[in-house]
Amino acid sequence: MKRVTMSHINAYLDGALSEQERQEFEARVEDDADAKALLALHRQHVHELHRLYDPVLDEPVPERMLELLRRRKPSG
């Protein structure tokens, strides 16, 4: 890995890197203060998004949305 990109950061935070890729990423970030700061910033963003929006996952689906889905014709 020559340069840390947003794609690398996103894959890392999503747990989508192989073990070897993860190790390479972590070594690269450890040696690059800018990459380390960017990773910390995006890790905080992910944390904040979960804090803000995870509670929505526990909310019931509004009845009017369910009704729209019930009336929807199957495609085909």
PDB file of N, CA and C in Angstrom:
ATOM      1  N   MET A   1       0.862  -1.166   0.000  1.00  0.00           N
ATOM      2  CA  MET A   1       0.000   0.000   0.000  1.00  0.00           C
ATOM      3  C   MET A   1       0.904   1.222   0.000  1.00  0.00           C
ATOM      4  N   LYS A   2       0.840   1.985  -1.059  1.00  0.00           N
ATOM      5  CA  LYS A   2       1.718   3.144  -1.176  1.00  0.00           C
ATOM      6  C   LYS A   2       1.156   4.359  -0.446  1.00  0.00           C
ATOM      7  N   ARG A   3      -0.120   4.589  -0.581  1.00  0.00           N
ATOM      8  CA  ARG A   3      -0.754   5.778  -0.025  1.00  0.00           C
ATOM      9  C   ARG A   3      -2.121   5.397   0.526  1.00  0.00           C
ATOM     10  N   VAL A   4      -2.448   5.907   1.682  1.00  0.00           N
ATOM     11  CA  VAL A   4      -3.752   5.630   2.279  1.00  0.00           C
ATOM     12  C   VAL A   4      -4.792   6.491   1.575  1.00  0.00           C
ATOM     13  N   THR A   5      -5.846   5.854   1.092  1.00  0.00           N
ATOM     14  CA  THR A   5      -6.933   6.562   0.420  1.00  0.00           C
ATOM     15  C   THR A   5      -8.209   6.427   1.245  1.00  0.00           C
ATOM     16  N   MET A   6      -9.220   7.191   0.873  1.00  0.00           N
ATOM     17  CA  MET A   6     -10.508   7.082   1.560  1.00  0.00           C
ATOM     18  C   MET A   6     -11.098   5.688   1.367  1.00  0.00           C
ATOM     19  N   SER A   7     -10.844   5.088   0.214  1.00  0.00           N
ATOM     20  CA  SER A   7     -11.327   3.723  -0.008  1.00  0.00           C
ATOM     21  C   SER A   7     -10.705   2.768   1.005  1.00  0.00           C
ATOM     22  N   HIS A   8      -9.407   2.930   1.270  1.00  0.00           N
ATOM     23  CA  HIS A   8      -8.746   2.091   2.279  1.00  0.00           C
ATOM     24  C   HIS A   8      -9.350   2.335   3.657  1.00  0.00           C
ATOM     25  N   ILE A   9      -9.536   3.607   3.995  1.00  0.00           N
ATOM     26  CA  ILE A   9     -10.088   3.947   5.316  1.00  0.00           C
ATOM     27  C   ILE A   9     -11.484   3.363   5.473  1.00  0.00           C
ATOM     28  N   ASN A  10     -12.327   3.535   4.462  1.00  0.00           N
ATOM     29  CA  ASN A  10     -13.686   2.999   4.545  1.00  0.00           C
ATOM     30  C   ASN A  10     -13.678   1.479   4.661  1.00  0.00           C
ATOM     31  N   ALA A  11     -12.853   0.829   3.863  1.00  0.00           N
ATOM     32  CA  ALA A  11     -12.776  -0.631   3.923  1.00  0.00           C
ATOM     33  C   ALA A  11     -12.284  -1.084   5.299  1.00  0.00           C
ATOM     34  N   TYR A  12     -11.310  -0.381   5.832  1.00  0.00           N
ATOM     35  CA  TYR A  12     -10.778  -0.709   7.159  1.00  0.00           C
ATOM     36  C   TYR A  12     -11.867  -0.565   8.222  1.00  0.00           C
ATOM     37  N   LEU A  13     -12.549   0.574   8.214  1.00  0.00           N
ATOM     38  CA  LEU A  13     -13.583   0.812   9.224  1.00  0.00           C
ATOM     39  C   LEU A  13     -14.765  -0.139   9.072  1.00  0.00           C
ATOM     40  N   ASP A  14     -15.015  -0.599   7.844  1.00  0.00           N
ATOM     41  CA  ASP A  14     -16.105  -1.549   7.596  1.00  0.00           C
ATOM     42  C   ASP A  14     -15.691  -2.991   7.861  1.00  0.00           C
ATOM     43  N   GLY A  15     -14.407  -3.211   8.156  1.00  0.00           N
ATOM     44  CA  GLY A  15     -13.923  -4.571   8.386  1.00  0.00           C
ATOM     45  C   GLY A  15     -13.842  -5.386   7.105  1.00  0.00           C
ATOM     46  N   ALA A  16     -13.651  -4.711   5.970  1.00  0.00           N
ATOM     47  CA  ALA A  16     -13.672  -5.386   4.674  1.00  0.00           C
ATOM     48  C   ALA A  16     -12.289  -5.739   4.134  1.00  0.00           C
ATOM     49  N   LEU A  17     -11.239  -5.485   4.902  1.00  0.00           N
ATOM     50  CA  LEU A  17      -9.892  -5.816   4.442  1.00  0.00           C
ATOM     51  C   LEU A  17      -9.519  -7.229   4.880  1.00  0.00           C
ATOM     52  N   SER A  18      -8.726  -7.884   4.048  1.00  0.00           N
ATOM     53  CA  SER A  18      -8.189  -9.181   4.459  1.00  0.00           C
ATOM     54  C   SER A  18      -7.221  -8.936   5.622  1.00  0.00           C
ATOM     55  N   GLU A  19      -6.817 -10.002   6.273  1.00  0.00           N
ATOM     56  CA  GLU A  19      -5.882  -9.869   7.396  1.00  0.00           C
ATOM     57  C   GLU A  19      -4.588  -9.191   6.938  1.00  0.00           C
ATOM     58  N   GLN A  20      -4.078  -9.603   5.796  1.00  0.00           N
ATOM     59  CA  GLN A  20      -2.840  -9.003   5.281  1.00  0.00           C
ATOM     60  C   GLN A  20      -3.053  -7.524   4.937  1.00  0.00           C
ATOM     61  N   GLU A  21      -4.166  -7.207   4.285  1.00  0.00           N
ATOM     62  CA  GLU A  21      -4.458  -5.816   3.944  1.00  0.00           C
ATOM     63  C   GLU A  21      -4.616  -4.964   5.193  1.00  0.00           C
ATOM     64  N   ARG A  22      -5.267  -5.542   6.213  1.00  0.00           N
ATOM     65  CA  ARG A  22      -5.457  -4.817   7.472  1.00  0.00           C
ATOM     66  C   ARG A  22      -4.116  -4.499   8.115  1.00  0.00           C
ATOM     67  N   GLN A  23      -3.243  -5.484   8.150  1.00  0.00           N
ATOM     68  CA  GLN A  23      -1.925  -5.281   8.748  1.00  0.00           C
ATOM     69  C   GLN A  23      -1.119  -4.229   7.974  1.00  0.00           C
ATOM     70  N   GLU A  24      -1.181  -4.299   6.647  1.00  0.00           N
ATOM     71  CA  GLU A  24      -0.480  -3.314   5.823  1.00  0.00           C
ATOM     72  C   GLU A  24      -1.043  -1.916   6.052  1.00  0.00           C
ATOM     73  N   PHE A  25      -2.367  -1.828   6.121  1.00  0.00           N
ATOM     74  CA  PHE A  25      -3.023  -0.546   6.359  1.00  0.00           C
ATOM     75  C   PHE A  25      -2.587   0.028   7.697  1.00  0.00           C
ATOM     76  N   GLU A  26      -2.646  -0.781   8.750  1.00  0.00           N
ATOM     77  CA  GLU A  26      -2.284  -0.304  10.083  1.00  0.00           C
ATOM     78  C   GLU A  26      -0.825   0.132  10.146  1.00  0.00           C
ATOM     79  N   ALA A  27       0.053  -0.602   9.485  1.00  0.00           N
ATOM     80  CA  ALA A  27       1.470  -0.221   9.454  1.00  0.00           C
ATOM     81  C   ALA A  27       1.646   1.099   8.707  1.00  0.00           C
ATOM     82  N   ARG A  28       0.933   1.260   7.613  1.00  0.00           N
ATOM     83  CA  ARG A  28       1.043   2.492   6.820  1.00  0.00           C
ATOM     84  C   ARG A  28       0.520   3.680   7.624  1.00  0.00           C
ATOM     85  N   VAL A  29      -0.598   3.501   8.281  1.00  0.00           N
ATOM     86  CA  VAL A  29      -1.182   4.584   9.082  1.00  0.00           C
ATOM     87  C   VAL A  29      -0.260   4.944  10.241  1.00  0.00           C
ATOM     88  N   GLU A  30       0.347   3.951  10.839  1.00  0.00           N
ATOM     89  CA  GLU A  30       1.242   4.197  11.971  1.00  0.00           C
ATOM     90  C   GLU A  30       2.423   5.069  11.566  1.00  0.00           C
ATOM     91  N   ASP A  31       2.855   4.962  10.324  1.00  0.00           N
ATOM     92  CA  ASP A  31       4.004   5.720   9.824  1.00  0.00           C
ATOM     93  C   ASP A  31       3.625   7.051   9.177  1.00  0.00           C
ATOM     94  N   ASP A  32       2.343   7.366   9.121  1.00  0.00           N
ATOM     95  CA  ASP A  32       1.885   8.566   8.406  1.00  0.00           C
ATOM     96  C   ASP A  32       0.945   9.368   9.310  1.00  0.00           C
ATOM     97  N   ALA A  33       1.453  10.462   9.851  1.00  0.00           N
ATOM     98  CA  ALA A  33       0.663  11.262  10.805  1.00  0.00           C
ATOM     99  C   ALA A  33      -0.616  11.794  10.172  1.00  0.00           C
ATOM    100  N   ASP A  34      -0.560  12.188   8.905  1.00  0.00           N
ATOM    101  CA  ASP A  34      -1.763  12.697   8.237  1.00  0.00           C
ATOM    102  C   ASP A  34      -2.812  11.596   8.086  1.00  0.00           C
ATOM    103  N   ALA A  35      -2.369  10.411   7.694  1.00  0.00           N
ATOM    104  CA  ALA A  35      -3.295   9.282   7.546  1.00  0.00           C
ATOM    105  C   ALA A  35      -3.880   8.895   8.894  1.00  0.00           C
ATOM    106  N   LYS A  36      -3.053   8.939   9.927  1.00  0.00           N
ATOM    107  CA  LYS A  36      -3.529   8.609  11.274  1.00  0.00           C
ATOM    108  C   LYS A  36      -4.607   9.598  11.726  1.00  0.00           C
ATOM    109  N   ALA A  37      -4.385  10.883  11.456  1.00  0.00           N
ATOM    110  CA  ALA A  37      -5.372  11.904  11.821  1.00  0.00           C
ATOM    111  C   ALA A  37      -6.659  11.731  11.018  1.00  0.00           C
ATOM    112  N   LEU A  38      -6.524  11.420   9.732  1.00  0.00           N
ATOM    113  CA  LEU A  38      -7.705  11.231   8.888  1.00  0.00           C
ATOM    114  C   LEU A  38      -8.505  10.015   9.343  1.00  0.00           C
ATOM    115  N   LEU A  39      -7.817   8.938   9.682  1.00  0.00           N
ATOM    116  CA  LEU A  39      -8.500   7.748  10.199  1.00  0.00           C
ATOM    117  C   LEU A  39      -9.235   8.080  11.493  1.00  0.00           C
ATOM    118  N   ALA A  40      -8.601   8.804  12.386  1.00  0.00           N
ATOM    119  CA  ALA A  40      -9.249   9.173  13.650  1.00  0.00           C
ATOM    120  C   ALA A  40     -10.494  10.021  13.402  1.00  0.00           C
ATOM    121  N   LEU A  41     -10.393  10.944  12.476  1.00  0.00           N
ATOM    122  CA  LEU A  41     -11.537  11.798  12.139  1.00  0.00           C
ATOM    123  C   LEU A  41     -12.695  10.968  11.598  1.00  0.00           C
ATOM    124  N   HIS A  42     -12.405  10.071  10.678  1.00  0.00           N
ATOM    125  CA  HIS A  42     -13.476   9.260  10.094  1.00  0.00           C
ATOM    126  C   HIS A  42     -14.010   8.225  11.074  1.00  0.00           C
ATOM    127  N   ARG A  43     -13.175   7.733  11.943  1.00  0.00           N
ATOM    128  CA  ARG A  43     -13.647   6.823  12.990  1.00  0.00           C
ATOM    129  C   ARG A  43     -14.645   7.567  13.895  1.00  0.00           C
ATOM    130  N   GLN A  44     -14.345   8.830  14.211  1.00  0.00           N
ATOM    131  CA  GLN A  44     -15.255   9.640  15.020  1.00  0.00           C
ATOM    132  C   GLN A  44     -16.566   9.896  14.274  1.00  0.00           C
ATOM    133  N   HIS A  45     -16.481  10.146  12.971  1.00  0.00           N
ATOM    134  CA  HIS A  45     -17.698  10.353  12.173  1.00  0.00           C
ATOM    135  C   HIS A  45     -18.588   9.113  12.216  1.00  0.00           C
ATOM    136  N   VAL A  46     -17.974   7.945  12.047  1.00  0.00           N
ATOM    137  CA  VAL A  46     -18.739   6.697  12.090  1.00  0.00           C
ATOM    138  C   VAL A  46     -19.398   6.542  13.458  1.00  0.00           C
ATOM    139  N   HIS A  47     -18.660   6.825  14.505  1.00  0.00           N
ATOM    140  CA  HIS A  47     -19.208   6.731  15.859  1.00  0.00           C
ATOM    141  C   HIS A  47     -20.412   7.669  16.018  1.00  0.00           C
ATOM    142  N   GLU A  48     -20.269   8.899  15.551  1.00  0.00           N
ATOM    143  CA  GLU A  48     -21.355   9.873  15.674  1.00  0.00           C
ATOM    144  C   GLU A  48     -22.580   9.460  14.854  1.00  0.00           C
ATOM    145  N   LEU A  49     -22.364   8.935  13.663  1.00  0.00           N
ATOM    146  CA  LEU A  49     -23.492   8.478  12.844  1.00  0.00           C
ATOM    147  C   LEU A  49     -24.238   7.353  13.548  1.00  0.00           C
ATOM    148  N   HIS A  50     -23.503   6.423  14.144  1.00  0.00           N
ATOM    149  CA  HIS A  50     -24.161   5.350  14.894  1.00  0.00           C
ATOM    150  C   HIS A  50     -24.919   5.911  16.097  1.00  0.00           C
ATOM    151  N   ARG A  51     -24.304   6.851  16.789  1.00  0.00           N
ATOM    152  CA  ARG A  51     -24.967   7.447  17.958  1.00  0.00           C
ATOM    153  C   ARG A  51     -26.268   8.125  17.557  1.00  0.00           C
ATOM    154  N   LEU A  52     -26.244   8.813  16.431  1.00  0.00           N
ATOM    155  CA  LEU A  52     -27.422   9.556  15.996  1.00  0.00           C
ATOM    156  C   LEU A  52     -28.508   8.682  15.387  1.00  0.00           C
ATOM    157  N   TYR A  53     -28.116   7.691  14.600  1.00  0.00           N
ATOM    158  CA  TYR A  53     -29.104   6.988  13.789  1.00  0.00           C
ATOM    159  C   TYR A  53     -29.403   5.556  14.211  1.00  0.00           C
ATOM    160  N   ASP A  54     -28.586   4.937  15.029  1.00  0.00           N
ATOM    161  CA  ASP A  54     -28.898   3.579  15.448  1.00  0.00           C
ATOM    162  C   ASP A  54     -30.242   3.468  16.172  1.00  0.00           C
ATOM    163  N   PRO A  55     -30.634   4.462  16.974  1.00  0.00           N
ATOM    164  CA  PRO A  55     -31.936   4.343  17.634  1.00  0.00           C
ATOM    165  C   PRO A  55     -33.107   4.220  16.656  1.00  0.00           C
ATOM    166  N   VAL A  56     -32.953   4.733  15.460  1.00  0.00           N
ATOM    167  CA  VAL A  56     -34.017   4.643  14.456  1.00  0.00           C
ATOM    168  C   VAL A  56     -34.285   3.183  14.091  1.00  0.00           C
ATOM    169  N   LEU A  57     -33.269   2.350  14.185  1.00  0.00           N
ATOM    170  CA  LEU A  57     -33.437   0.938  13.844  1.00  0.00           C
ATOM    171  C   LEU A  57     -34.458   0.250  14.749  1.00  0.00           C
ATOM    172  N   ASP A  58     -34.648   0.782  15.940  1.00  0.00           N
ATOM    173  CA  ASP A  58     -35.586   0.184  16.885  1.00  0.00           C
ATOM    174  C   ASP A  58     -36.991   0.774  16.793  1.00  0.00           C
ATOM    175  N   GLU A  59     -37.166   1.803  15.965  1.00  0.00           N
ATOM    176  CA  GLU A  59     -38.483   2.422  15.835  1.00  0.00           C
ATOM    177  C   GLU A  59     -39.382   1.565  14.946  1.00  0.00           C
ATOM    178  N   PRO A  60     -40.672   1.538  15.251  1.00  0.00           N
ATOM    179  CA  PRO A  60     -41.578   0.792  14.387  1.00  0.00           C
ATOM    180  C   PRO A  60     -41.733   1.499  13.033  1.00  0.00           C
ATOM    181  N   VAL A  61     -42.006   0.715  12.006  1.00  0.00           N
ATOM    182  CA  VAL A  61     -42.261   1.296  10.689  1.00  0.00           C
ATOM    183  C   VAL A  61     -43.613   1.991  10.752  1.00  0.00           C
ATOM    184  N   PRO A  62     -43.683   3.256  10.290  1.00  0.00           N
ATOM    185  CA  PRO A  62     -44.973   3.963  10.321  1.00  0.00           C
ATOM    186  C   PRO A  62     -46.049   3.216   9.526  1.00  0.00           C
ATOM    187  N   GLU A  63     -47.234   3.206  10.077  1.00  0.00           N
ATOM    188  CA  GLU A  63     -48.340   2.471   9.462  1.00  0.00           C
ATOM    189  C   GLU A  63     -48.607   2.922   8.024  1.00  0.00           C
ATOM    190  N   ARG A  64     -48.496   4.218   7.750  1.00  0.00           N
ATOM    191  CA  ARG A  64     -48.773   4.684   6.378  1.00  0.00           C
ATOM    192  C   ARG A  64     -47.741   4.143   5.381  1.00  0.00           C
ATOM    193  N   MET A  65     -46.513   3.915   5.827  1.00  0.00           N
ATOM    194  CA  MET A  65     -45.516   3.302   4.936  1.00  0.00           C
ATOM    195  C   MET A  65     -45.853   1.839   4.694  1.00  0.00           C
ATOM    196  N   LEU A  66     -46.284   1.156   5.740  1.00  0.00           N
ATOM    197  CA  LEU A  66     -46.674  -0.237   5.585  1.00  0.00           C
ATOM    198  C   LEU A  66     -47.851  -0.360   4.625  1.00  0.00           C
ATOM    199  N   GLU A  67     -48.789   0.565   4.739  1.00  0.00           N
ATOM    200  CA  GLU A  67     -49.955   0.539   3.860  1.00  0.00           C
ATOM    201  C   GLU A  67     -49.541   0.747   2.407  1.00  0.00           C
ATOM    202  N   LEU A  68     -48.629   1.669   2.159  1.00  0.00           N
ATOM    203  CA  LEU A  68     -48.129   1.876   0.791  1.00  0.00           C
ATOM    204  C   LEU A  68     -47.480   0.607   0.248  1.00  0.00           C
ATOM    205  N   LEU A  69     -46.735  -0.074   1.068  1.00  0.00           N
ATOM    206  CA  LEU A  69     -46.104  -1.319   0.634  1.00  0.00           C
ATOM    207  C   LEU A  69     -47.134  -2.407   0.361  1.00  0.00           C
ATOM    208  N   ARG A  70     -48.172  -2.441   1.151  1.00  0.00           N
ATOM    209  CA  ARG A  70     -49.224  -3.449   0.945  1.00  0.00           C
ATOM    210  C   ARG A  70     -49.961  -3.213  -0.372  1.00  0.00           C
ATOM    211  N   ARG A  71     -50.139  -1.950  -0.740  1.00  0.00           N
ATOM    212  CA  ARG A  71     -50.884  -1.610  -1.966  1.00  0.00           C
ATOM    213  C   ARG A  71     -50.019  -1.704  -3.219  1.00  0.00           C
ATOM    214  N   ARG A  72     -48.739  -1.741  -3.050  1.00  0.00           N
ATOM    215  CA  ARG A  72     -47.825  -1.753  -4.185  1.00  0.00           C
ATOM    216  C   ARG A  72     -47.990  -3.027  -4.993  1.00  0.00           C
ATOM    217  N   LYS A  73     -48.061  -2.845  -6.323  1.00  0.00           N
ATOM    218  CA  LYS A  73     -48.186  -3.987  -7.201  1.00  0.00           C
ATOM    219  C   LYS A  73     -46.827  -4.634  -7.384  1.00  0.00           C
ATOM    220  N   PRO A  74     -46.788  -5.955  -7.380  1.00  0.00           N
ATOM    221  CA  PRO A  74     -45.502  -6.627  -7.625  1.00  0.00           C
ATOM    222  C   PRO A  74     -45.019  -6.320  -9.037  1.00  0.00           C
ATOM    223  N   SER A  75     -43.710  -6.146  -9.195  1.00  0.00           N
ATOM    224  CA  SER A  75     -43.161  -5.894 -10.526  1.00  0.00           C
ATOM    225  C   SER A  75     -43.050  -7.210 -11.266  1.00  0.00           C
ATOM    226  N   GLY A  76     -43.164  -7.146 -12.573  1.00  0.00           N
ATOM    227  CA  GLY A  76     -42.988  -8.378 -13.304  1.00  0.00           C
ATOM    228  C   GLY A  76     -43.769  -8.374 -14.512  1.00  0.00           C
TER     229      GLY A  76
END
